[in-house]
N, C-alpha and C. Protein backbone atom coordinates (compact mmCIF):
# COMPACT_ATOMS: atom_id res chain seq x y z
N MET A 1 -71.63 75.85 54.50
CA MET A 1 -72.17 76.73 55.53
C MET A 1 -73.58 77.16 55.12
N LYS A 2 -74.47 77.17 56.09
CA LYS A 2 -75.84 77.63 55.86
C LYS A 2 -76.02 79.00 56.49
N HIS A 3 -76.73 79.85 55.77
CA HIS A 3 -76.96 81.22 56.20
C HIS A 3 -78.45 81.40 56.50
N ILE A 4 -78.75 81.76 57.76
CA ILE A 4 -80.13 81.92 58.21
C ILE A 4 -80.35 83.36 58.66
N LEU A 5 -81.44 83.95 58.16
CA LEU A 5 -81.83 85.29 58.57
C LEU A 5 -83.23 85.23 59.15
N PHE A 6 -83.37 85.62 60.42
CA PHE A 6 -84.68 85.69 61.06
C PHE A 6 -85.21 87.11 60.88
N VAL A 7 -86.51 87.22 60.57
CA VAL A 7 -87.10 88.54 60.39
C VAL A 7 -88.41 88.67 61.18
N CYS A 8 -88.67 89.89 61.61
CA CYS A 8 -89.95 90.24 62.22
C CYS A 8 -90.24 91.69 61.86
N HIS A 9 -91.23 92.26 62.47
CA HIS A 9 -91.63 93.62 62.13
C HIS A 9 -90.49 94.63 62.32
N GLY A 10 -89.97 94.73 63.55
CA GLY A 10 -89.02 95.79 63.86
C GLY A 10 -87.61 95.36 64.17
N ASN A 11 -87.37 94.05 64.29
CA ASN A 11 -86.04 93.52 64.58
C ASN A 11 -85.53 93.91 65.97
N ILE A 12 -86.45 93.94 66.94
CA ILE A 12 -86.02 94.20 68.31
C ILE A 12 -86.53 93.15 69.30
N CYS A 13 -87.55 92.38 68.93
CA CYS A 13 -88.12 91.39 69.85
C CYS A 13 -87.93 89.96 69.32
N ARG A 14 -88.82 89.54 68.44
CA ARG A 14 -88.87 88.14 68.01
C ARG A 14 -87.67 87.70 67.18
N SER A 15 -87.31 88.48 66.17
CA SER A 15 -86.21 88.03 65.29
C SER A 15 -84.88 88.04 66.03
N THR A 16 -84.68 89.00 66.92
CA THR A 16 -83.44 89.00 67.69
C THR A 16 -83.43 87.84 68.68
N MET A 17 -84.58 87.55 69.27
CA MET A 17 -84.67 86.41 70.17
C MET A 17 -84.31 85.14 69.40
N ALA A 18 -84.88 84.97 68.21
CA ALA A 18 -84.60 83.78 67.40
C ALA A 18 -83.13 83.72 67.00
N GLU A 19 -82.55 84.87 66.65
CA GLU A 19 -81.13 84.90 66.29
C GLU A 19 -80.27 84.36 67.42
N PHE A 20 -80.48 84.86 68.63
CA PHE A 20 -79.63 84.44 69.75
C PHE A 20 -79.94 83.03 70.23
N VAL A 21 -81.21 82.62 70.16
CA VAL A 21 -81.58 81.25 70.52
C VAL A 21 -80.92 80.27 69.54
N MET A 22 -81.01 80.57 68.25
CA MET A 22 -80.44 79.66 67.24
C MET A 22 -78.92 79.61 67.36
N LYS A 23 -78.29 80.74 67.59
CA LYS A 23 -76.83 80.74 67.78
C LYS A 23 -76.45 79.86 68.96
N ASP A 24 -77.23 79.91 70.04
CA ASP A 24 -76.96 79.10 71.22
C ASP A 24 -77.17 77.61 70.91
N LEU A 25 -78.23 77.29 70.19
CA LEU A 25 -78.51 75.89 69.84
C LEU A 25 -77.40 75.30 68.97
N VAL A 26 -76.96 76.04 67.95
CA VAL A 26 -75.92 75.48 67.06
C VAL A 26 -74.59 75.40 67.79
N ARG A 27 -74.32 76.35 68.69
CA ARG A 27 -73.08 76.29 69.48
C ARG A 27 -73.09 75.04 70.36
N LYS A 28 -74.21 74.80 71.03
CA LYS A 28 -74.31 73.63 71.91
C LYS A 28 -74.26 72.32 71.13
N ALA A 29 -74.67 72.35 69.86
CA ALA A 29 -74.63 71.16 69.01
C ALA A 29 -73.26 70.98 68.34
N GLY A 30 -72.35 71.91 68.60
CA GLY A 30 -71.02 71.83 68.00
C GLY A 30 -71.03 72.19 66.52
N LEU A 31 -72.00 72.97 66.09
CA LEU A 31 -72.16 73.30 64.68
C LEU A 31 -72.00 74.79 64.38
N ALA A 32 -71.45 75.54 65.31
CA ALA A 32 -71.37 76.99 65.14
C ALA A 32 -70.65 77.38 63.86
N ASP A 33 -69.65 76.62 63.46
CA ASP A 33 -68.89 76.94 62.26
C ASP A 33 -69.65 76.63 60.98
N ALA A 34 -70.78 75.95 61.09
CA ALA A 34 -71.56 75.56 59.92
C ALA A 34 -72.66 76.56 59.58
N PHE A 35 -72.79 77.61 60.39
CA PHE A 35 -73.90 78.55 60.22
C PHE A 35 -73.45 80.01 60.30
N THR A 36 -74.15 80.83 59.55
CA THR A 36 -74.18 82.27 59.74
C THR A 36 -75.62 82.59 60.11
N ILE A 37 -75.82 83.25 61.24
CA ILE A 37 -77.17 83.52 61.74
C ILE A 37 -77.26 85.01 62.08
N ALA A 38 -78.31 85.64 61.58
CA ALA A 38 -78.52 87.07 61.83
C ALA A 38 -80.02 87.34 61.87
N SER A 39 -80.38 88.61 62.04
CA SER A 39 -81.79 88.99 62.03
C SER A 39 -81.94 90.38 61.42
N ALA A 40 -83.16 90.65 60.96
CA ALA A 40 -83.46 91.94 60.33
C ALA A 40 -84.95 92.23 60.47
N ALA A 41 -85.31 93.45 60.12
CA ALA A 41 -86.70 93.90 60.17
C ALA A 41 -87.32 93.91 58.78
N CYS A 42 -88.63 93.78 58.77
CA CYS A 42 -89.38 94.01 57.53
C CYS A 42 -89.75 95.49 57.40
N ARG A 43 -89.92 96.16 58.52
CA ARG A 43 -90.33 97.56 58.54
C ARG A 43 -89.21 98.43 59.10
N ARG A 44 -89.37 99.73 59.02
CA ARG A 44 -88.31 100.66 59.40
C ARG A 44 -88.50 101.30 60.79
N ASP A 45 -89.57 100.96 61.48
CA ASP A 45 -89.93 101.62 62.75
C ASP A 45 -88.79 101.71 63.76
N GLU A 46 -88.02 100.66 63.91
CA GLU A 46 -87.05 100.56 64.99
C GLU A 46 -85.60 100.58 64.51
N ILE A 47 -85.37 100.96 63.26
CA ILE A 47 -84.01 100.96 62.72
C ILE A 47 -83.06 101.67 63.68
N GLY A 48 -81.95 101.00 64.00
CA GLY A 48 -80.95 101.56 64.90
C GLY A 48 -81.15 101.21 66.36
N SER A 49 -82.33 100.72 66.73
CA SER A 49 -82.61 100.38 68.13
C SER A 49 -81.93 99.07 68.53
N ASP A 50 -81.58 98.96 69.79
CA ASP A 50 -81.03 97.72 70.34
C ASP A 50 -82.19 96.75 70.61
N THR A 51 -81.85 95.55 70.97
CA THR A 51 -82.83 94.53 71.34
C THR A 51 -83.73 95.05 72.48
N HIS A 52 -85.01 94.75 72.40
CA HIS A 52 -85.99 95.16 73.40
C HIS A 52 -85.58 94.62 74.78
N TRP A 53 -85.79 95.42 75.81
CA TRP A 53 -85.41 95.00 77.17
C TRP A 53 -86.09 93.71 77.59
N GLY A 54 -87.34 93.48 77.16
CA GLY A 54 -88.05 92.25 77.53
C GLY A 54 -87.42 91.02 76.91
N THR A 55 -86.93 91.14 75.69
CA THR A 55 -86.21 90.04 75.04
C THR A 55 -84.90 89.77 75.77
N LYS A 56 -84.18 90.83 76.09
CA LYS A 56 -82.93 90.66 76.83
C LYS A 56 -83.17 89.98 78.18
N GLN A 57 -84.21 90.41 78.86
CA GLN A 57 -84.53 89.83 80.17
C GLN A 57 -84.83 88.34 80.04
N LYS A 58 -85.60 87.96 79.03
CA LYS A 58 -85.95 86.54 78.85
C LYS A 58 -84.71 85.73 78.46
N LEU A 59 -83.86 86.27 77.59
CA LEU A 59 -82.64 85.56 77.22
C LEU A 59 -81.73 85.37 78.43
N ARG A 60 -81.61 86.39 79.27
CA ARG A 60 -80.81 86.25 80.50
C ARG A 60 -81.39 85.14 81.39
N GLU A 61 -82.71 85.17 81.55
CA GLU A 61 -83.39 84.18 82.38
C GLU A 61 -83.12 82.76 81.89
N MET A 62 -83.00 82.60 80.58
CA MET A 62 -82.80 81.27 79.99
C MET A 62 -81.32 80.93 79.80
N GLY A 63 -80.43 81.85 80.20
CA GLY A 63 -79.00 81.60 80.10
C GLY A 63 -78.46 81.64 78.67
N ILE A 64 -79.12 82.42 77.82
CA ILE A 64 -78.71 82.51 76.42
C ILE A 64 -77.94 83.81 76.21
N PRO A 65 -76.69 83.70 75.76
CA PRO A 65 -75.90 84.92 75.56
C PRO A 65 -76.42 85.75 74.38
N PHE A 66 -76.23 87.06 74.51
CA PHE A 66 -76.59 87.98 73.43
C PHE A 66 -75.62 89.15 73.46
N THR A 67 -75.59 89.88 72.38
CA THR A 67 -74.70 91.03 72.26
C THR A 67 -75.51 92.26 71.88
N PRO A 68 -74.99 93.45 72.15
CA PRO A 68 -75.66 94.66 71.69
C PRO A 68 -75.73 94.65 70.15
N ARG A 69 -76.75 95.26 69.63
CA ARG A 69 -76.93 95.27 68.18
C ARG A 69 -77.80 96.45 67.79
N HIS A 70 -77.95 96.66 66.52
CA HIS A 70 -78.79 97.74 65.99
C HIS A 70 -79.76 97.15 64.99
N ALA A 71 -81.05 97.38 65.21
CA ALA A 71 -82.07 96.89 64.28
C ALA A 71 -81.79 97.44 62.89
N ARG A 72 -82.03 96.58 61.89
CA ARG A 72 -81.83 96.98 60.51
C ARG A 72 -82.90 96.33 59.65
N GLN A 73 -83.11 96.88 58.47
CA GLN A 73 -84.11 96.32 57.56
C GLN A 73 -83.44 95.37 56.57
N ILE A 74 -84.16 94.32 56.20
CA ILE A 74 -83.67 93.37 55.22
C ILE A 74 -83.38 94.09 53.89
N THR A 75 -82.36 93.64 53.19
CA THR A 75 -81.95 94.26 51.93
C THR A 75 -81.93 93.22 50.81
N ASP A 76 -81.79 93.70 49.59
CA ASP A 76 -81.62 92.79 48.45
C ASP A 76 -80.38 91.92 48.62
N ALA A 77 -79.32 92.49 49.17
CA ALA A 77 -78.09 91.73 49.41
C ALA A 77 -78.33 90.59 50.40
N ASP A 78 -79.19 90.82 51.39
CA ASP A 78 -79.54 89.75 52.33
C ASP A 78 -80.22 88.60 51.59
N TYR A 79 -81.11 88.93 50.68
CA TYR A 79 -81.81 87.88 49.95
C TYR A 79 -80.81 87.03 49.16
N GLU A 80 -79.82 87.65 48.62
CA GLU A 80 -78.80 86.89 47.88
C GLU A 80 -77.94 86.04 48.82
N LYS A 81 -77.60 86.58 49.98
CA LYS A 81 -76.68 85.91 50.91
C LYS A 81 -77.31 84.75 51.67
N TYR A 82 -78.54 84.94 52.15
CA TYR A 82 -79.12 83.97 53.07
C TYR A 82 -79.88 82.87 52.34
N ASP A 83 -79.69 81.63 52.83
CA ASP A 83 -80.37 80.45 52.26
C ASP A 83 -81.78 80.33 52.81
N TRP A 84 -81.95 80.72 54.04
CA TRP A 84 -83.22 80.58 54.76
C TRP A 84 -83.58 81.93 55.36
N ILE A 85 -84.76 82.44 55.03
CA ILE A 85 -85.26 83.68 55.61
C ILE A 85 -86.52 83.33 56.36
N ILE A 86 -86.44 83.41 57.68
CA ILE A 86 -87.45 82.86 58.55
C ILE A 86 -88.26 83.97 59.21
N ALA A 87 -89.56 83.99 58.91
CA ALA A 87 -90.47 85.02 59.40
C ALA A 87 -91.25 84.54 60.62
N MET A 88 -91.74 85.50 61.38
CA MET A 88 -92.48 85.20 62.59
C MET A 88 -94.00 85.17 62.39
N ASP A 89 -94.51 85.90 61.39
CA ASP A 89 -95.96 85.95 61.21
C ASP A 89 -96.33 86.21 59.75
N GLN A 90 -97.61 86.17 59.47
CA GLN A 90 -98.09 86.35 58.09
C GLN A 90 -97.84 87.77 57.58
N GLU A 91 -97.89 88.76 58.45
CA GLU A 91 -97.58 90.12 58.03
C GLU A 91 -96.13 90.18 57.52
N ASN A 92 -95.22 89.51 58.24
CA ASN A 92 -93.83 89.46 57.79
C ASN A 92 -93.73 88.76 56.44
N MET A 93 -94.47 87.67 56.27
CA MET A 93 -94.44 86.94 54.99
C MET A 93 -94.94 87.83 53.86
N HIS A 94 -95.98 88.60 54.12
CA HIS A 94 -96.50 89.54 53.12
C HIS A 94 -95.44 90.59 52.78
N ASP A 95 -94.83 91.16 53.82
CA ASP A 95 -93.77 92.15 53.60
C ASP A 95 -92.60 91.55 52.83
N LEU A 96 -92.22 90.33 53.19
CA LEU A 96 -91.09 89.67 52.53
C LEU A 96 -91.38 89.42 51.05
N LYS A 97 -92.61 89.09 50.73
CA LYS A 97 -92.95 88.88 49.32
C LYS A 97 -92.64 90.14 48.52
N HIS A 98 -92.97 91.29 49.09
CA HIS A 98 -92.68 92.57 48.44
C HIS A 98 -91.17 92.87 48.47
N LEU A 99 -90.56 92.73 49.64
CA LEU A 99 -89.15 93.10 49.81
C LEU A 99 -88.19 92.19 49.06
N THR A 100 -88.62 90.96 48.75
CA THR A 100 -87.75 90.00 48.03
C THR A 100 -88.18 89.84 46.58
N HIS A 101 -89.01 90.74 46.11
CA HIS A 101 -89.46 90.72 44.71
C HIS A 101 -90.15 89.40 44.37
N GLY A 102 -91.00 88.94 45.31
CA GLY A 102 -91.79 87.74 45.09
C GLY A 102 -91.14 86.45 45.57
N ASP A 103 -90.00 86.53 46.23
CA ASP A 103 -89.29 85.35 46.74
C ASP A 103 -89.09 84.30 45.65
N PRO A 104 -88.41 84.66 44.56
CA PRO A 104 -88.25 83.73 43.44
C PRO A 104 -87.50 82.44 43.79
N ASP A 105 -86.65 82.48 44.81
CA ASP A 105 -85.88 81.30 45.19
C ASP A 105 -86.52 80.50 46.32
N HIS A 106 -87.72 80.90 46.75
CA HIS A 106 -88.49 80.19 47.79
C HIS A 106 -87.68 80.02 49.07
N LYS A 107 -87.11 81.11 49.53
CA LYS A 107 -86.28 81.10 50.74
C LYS A 107 -87.06 81.45 52.00
N THR A 108 -88.25 82.03 51.88
CA THR A 108 -88.98 82.52 53.05
C THR A 108 -89.92 81.46 53.61
N HIS A 109 -89.94 81.37 54.93
CA HIS A 109 -90.75 80.37 55.63
C HIS A 109 -91.19 80.94 56.97
N LEU A 110 -92.33 80.49 57.46
CA LEU A 110 -92.74 80.81 58.82
C LEU A 110 -91.96 79.92 59.80
N LEU A 111 -91.50 80.49 60.88
CA LEU A 111 -90.68 79.74 61.85
C LEU A 111 -91.39 78.48 62.34
N LEU A 112 -92.62 78.62 62.77
CA LEU A 112 -93.29 77.45 63.37
C LEU A 112 -93.69 76.39 62.36
N SER A 113 -93.56 76.68 61.06
CA SER A 113 -93.84 75.64 60.06
C SER A 113 -92.86 74.48 60.20
N PHE A 114 -91.66 74.75 60.70
CA PHE A 114 -90.69 73.68 60.90
C PHE A 114 -91.08 72.76 62.05
N ALA A 115 -91.95 73.24 62.92
CA ALA A 115 -92.48 72.43 64.02
C ALA A 115 -93.82 71.81 63.64
N GLY A 116 -94.19 71.92 62.36
CA GLY A 116 -95.44 71.34 61.89
C GLY A 116 -96.66 72.17 62.23
N GLU A 117 -96.46 73.44 62.55
CA GLU A 117 -97.57 74.30 62.94
C GLU A 117 -97.68 75.48 61.97
N GLN A 118 -98.87 75.73 61.51
CA GLN A 118 -99.10 76.86 60.61
C GLN A 118 -99.71 78.02 61.41
N ARG A 119 -98.97 78.47 62.40
CA ARG A 119 -99.41 79.61 63.20
C ARG A 119 -98.24 80.55 63.41
N GLU A 120 -98.56 81.72 63.92
CA GLU A 120 -97.59 82.78 64.08
C GLU A 120 -96.96 82.79 65.47
N VAL A 121 -95.77 83.36 65.54
CA VAL A 121 -95.15 83.66 66.83
C VAL A 121 -95.69 85.02 67.25
N ALA A 122 -96.39 85.05 68.37
CA ALA A 122 -97.01 86.30 68.84
C ALA A 122 -95.96 87.36 69.13
N ASP A 123 -96.29 88.59 68.83
CA ASP A 123 -95.37 89.71 69.02
C ASP A 123 -95.48 90.22 70.46
N PRO A 124 -94.42 90.05 71.26
CA PRO A 124 -94.49 90.48 72.65
C PRO A 124 -94.53 92.00 72.80
N TRP A 125 -94.26 92.73 71.74
CA TRP A 125 -94.43 94.19 71.77
C TRP A 125 -95.87 94.52 72.14
N TYR A 126 -96.80 93.68 71.63
CA TYR A 126 -98.23 93.89 71.89
C TYR A 126 -98.75 93.04 73.04
N THR A 127 -98.25 91.80 73.17
CA THR A 127 -98.77 90.89 74.19
C THR A 127 -98.09 91.08 75.54
N ASN A 128 -96.85 91.57 75.53
CA ASN A 128 -96.02 91.69 76.72
C ASN A 128 -95.75 90.32 77.36
N ASP A 129 -95.90 89.25 76.58
CA ASP A 129 -95.67 87.90 77.08
C ASP A 129 -94.43 87.32 76.42
N PHE A 130 -93.28 87.72 76.92
CA PHE A 130 -92.02 87.27 76.35
C PHE A 130 -91.78 85.79 76.59
N SER A 131 -92.39 85.22 77.62
CA SER A 131 -92.24 83.78 77.89
C SER A 131 -92.93 82.96 76.81
N ALA A 132 -94.15 83.33 76.43
CA ALA A 132 -94.86 82.60 75.38
C ALA A 132 -94.11 82.74 74.05
N THR A 133 -93.62 83.93 73.77
CA THR A 133 -92.85 84.13 72.55
C THR A 133 -91.59 83.28 72.57
N TYR A 134 -90.89 83.26 73.70
CA TYR A 134 -89.69 82.44 73.82
C TYR A 134 -90.01 80.97 73.56
N ASP A 135 -91.08 80.47 74.16
CA ASP A 135 -91.43 79.06 73.97
C ASP A 135 -91.62 78.73 72.49
N ASP A 136 -92.31 79.60 71.77
CA ASP A 136 -92.52 79.38 70.33
C ASP A 136 -91.22 79.51 69.55
N VAL A 137 -90.43 80.51 69.87
CA VAL A 137 -89.15 80.71 69.18
C VAL A 137 -88.24 79.51 69.42
N PHE A 138 -88.16 79.05 70.65
CA PHE A 138 -87.30 77.91 70.97
C PHE A 138 -87.76 76.67 70.21
N LYS A 139 -89.06 76.41 70.23
CA LYS A 139 -89.61 75.26 69.51
C LYS A 139 -89.31 75.36 68.01
N GLY A 140 -89.52 76.53 67.44
CA GLY A 140 -89.26 76.72 66.02
C GLY A 140 -87.80 76.57 65.67
N CYS A 141 -86.92 77.14 66.47
CA CYS A 141 -85.48 77.04 66.20
C CYS A 141 -84.98 75.61 66.35
N GLN A 142 -85.43 74.91 67.39
CA GLN A 142 -85.06 73.50 67.54
C GLN A 142 -85.49 72.69 66.32
N SER A 143 -86.71 72.93 65.87
CA SER A 143 -87.25 72.19 64.73
C SER A 143 -86.52 72.55 63.44
N LEU A 144 -86.17 73.81 63.27
CA LEU A 144 -85.40 74.22 62.09
C LEU A 144 -84.04 73.55 62.09
N LEU A 145 -83.35 73.56 63.22
CA LEU A 145 -82.04 72.91 63.31
C LEU A 145 -82.16 71.43 63.02
N GLN A 146 -83.18 70.79 63.57
CA GLN A 146 -83.40 69.37 63.31
C GLN A 146 -83.65 69.14 61.81
N HIS A 147 -84.46 69.99 61.21
CA HIS A 147 -84.74 69.88 59.78
C HIS A 147 -83.45 69.97 58.96
N LEU A 148 -82.62 70.93 59.29
CA LEU A 148 -81.39 71.12 58.52
C LEU A 148 -80.38 70.01 58.74
N THR A 149 -80.28 69.50 59.96
CA THR A 149 -79.31 68.43 60.23
C THR A 149 -79.80 67.09 59.72
N GLU A 150 -81.10 66.82 59.81
CA GLU A 150 -81.63 65.56 59.28
C GLU A 150 -81.50 65.48 57.77
N LYS A 151 -81.70 66.62 57.12
CA LYS A 151 -81.58 66.65 55.67
C LYS A 151 -80.12 66.77 55.25
N LYS A 152 -79.23 66.81 56.23
CA LYS A 152 -77.79 66.97 56.00
C LYS A 152 -77.49 68.26 55.24
N GLU A 153 -78.38 69.24 55.38
CA GLU A 153 -78.17 70.53 54.73
C GLU A 153 -76.97 71.23 55.32
N VAL A 154 -76.68 70.98 56.57
CA VAL A 154 -75.57 71.63 57.25
C VAL A 154 -74.25 71.14 56.65
N LEU A 155 -74.24 69.90 56.22
CA LEU A 155 -73.00 69.31 55.73
C LEU A 155 -72.82 69.48 54.23
N SER A 156 -73.86 69.89 53.52
CA SER A 156 -73.73 70.07 52.07
C SER A 156 -73.23 71.47 51.76
N ASP A 157 -72.96 71.70 50.53
CA ASP A 157 -72.42 72.97 49.99
C ASP A 157 -70.94 72.84 49.88
C-alpha cells in the first residue's frame, strides 16, 4: 500500500482538491485498496475549517465525491506514515523542509513535477480561479498515479 499526503498552505483549497481528485482516480482505476490518501496544511491559519466552498463547487461540477473534513497541520507522525508528501508550491516546499526536519527521506515533491513541469499550482484563495487550479491538480494527480503504476510502486511493499 502506498500512502500519499497532499499539502498546501491552509488545507482547504488545493490539497483537499488533490486528495479527492486522487481518491477518485484510484477508485476508477480499481486501485483504491492500494492507497491511503489524505491532505494537510503547512500553516495553521485554517485549522478546523472544512473544505473551501469554491473547491466543493468545482468538485461537484466535475462529479468528484468528497466528504466533510477539518483542516489540520502536517505532523511528525505524518512524515513517518506517508511515502509521498506532495506540495502545491515553493512556499509549501520551504515550509515542509522545516516541518520535516529537512526531509531526510526525500518524500516531498511538487505536484506538477510529475507532469514534467517545474511550476506551482496557483492558490485559488487568491486567484478565485478554481477551474485553473482543478486543471493543474487533475494533471498532476493523473501524472503521479501514472508514475506510481508504471514504476509498479503500487504493487510493491
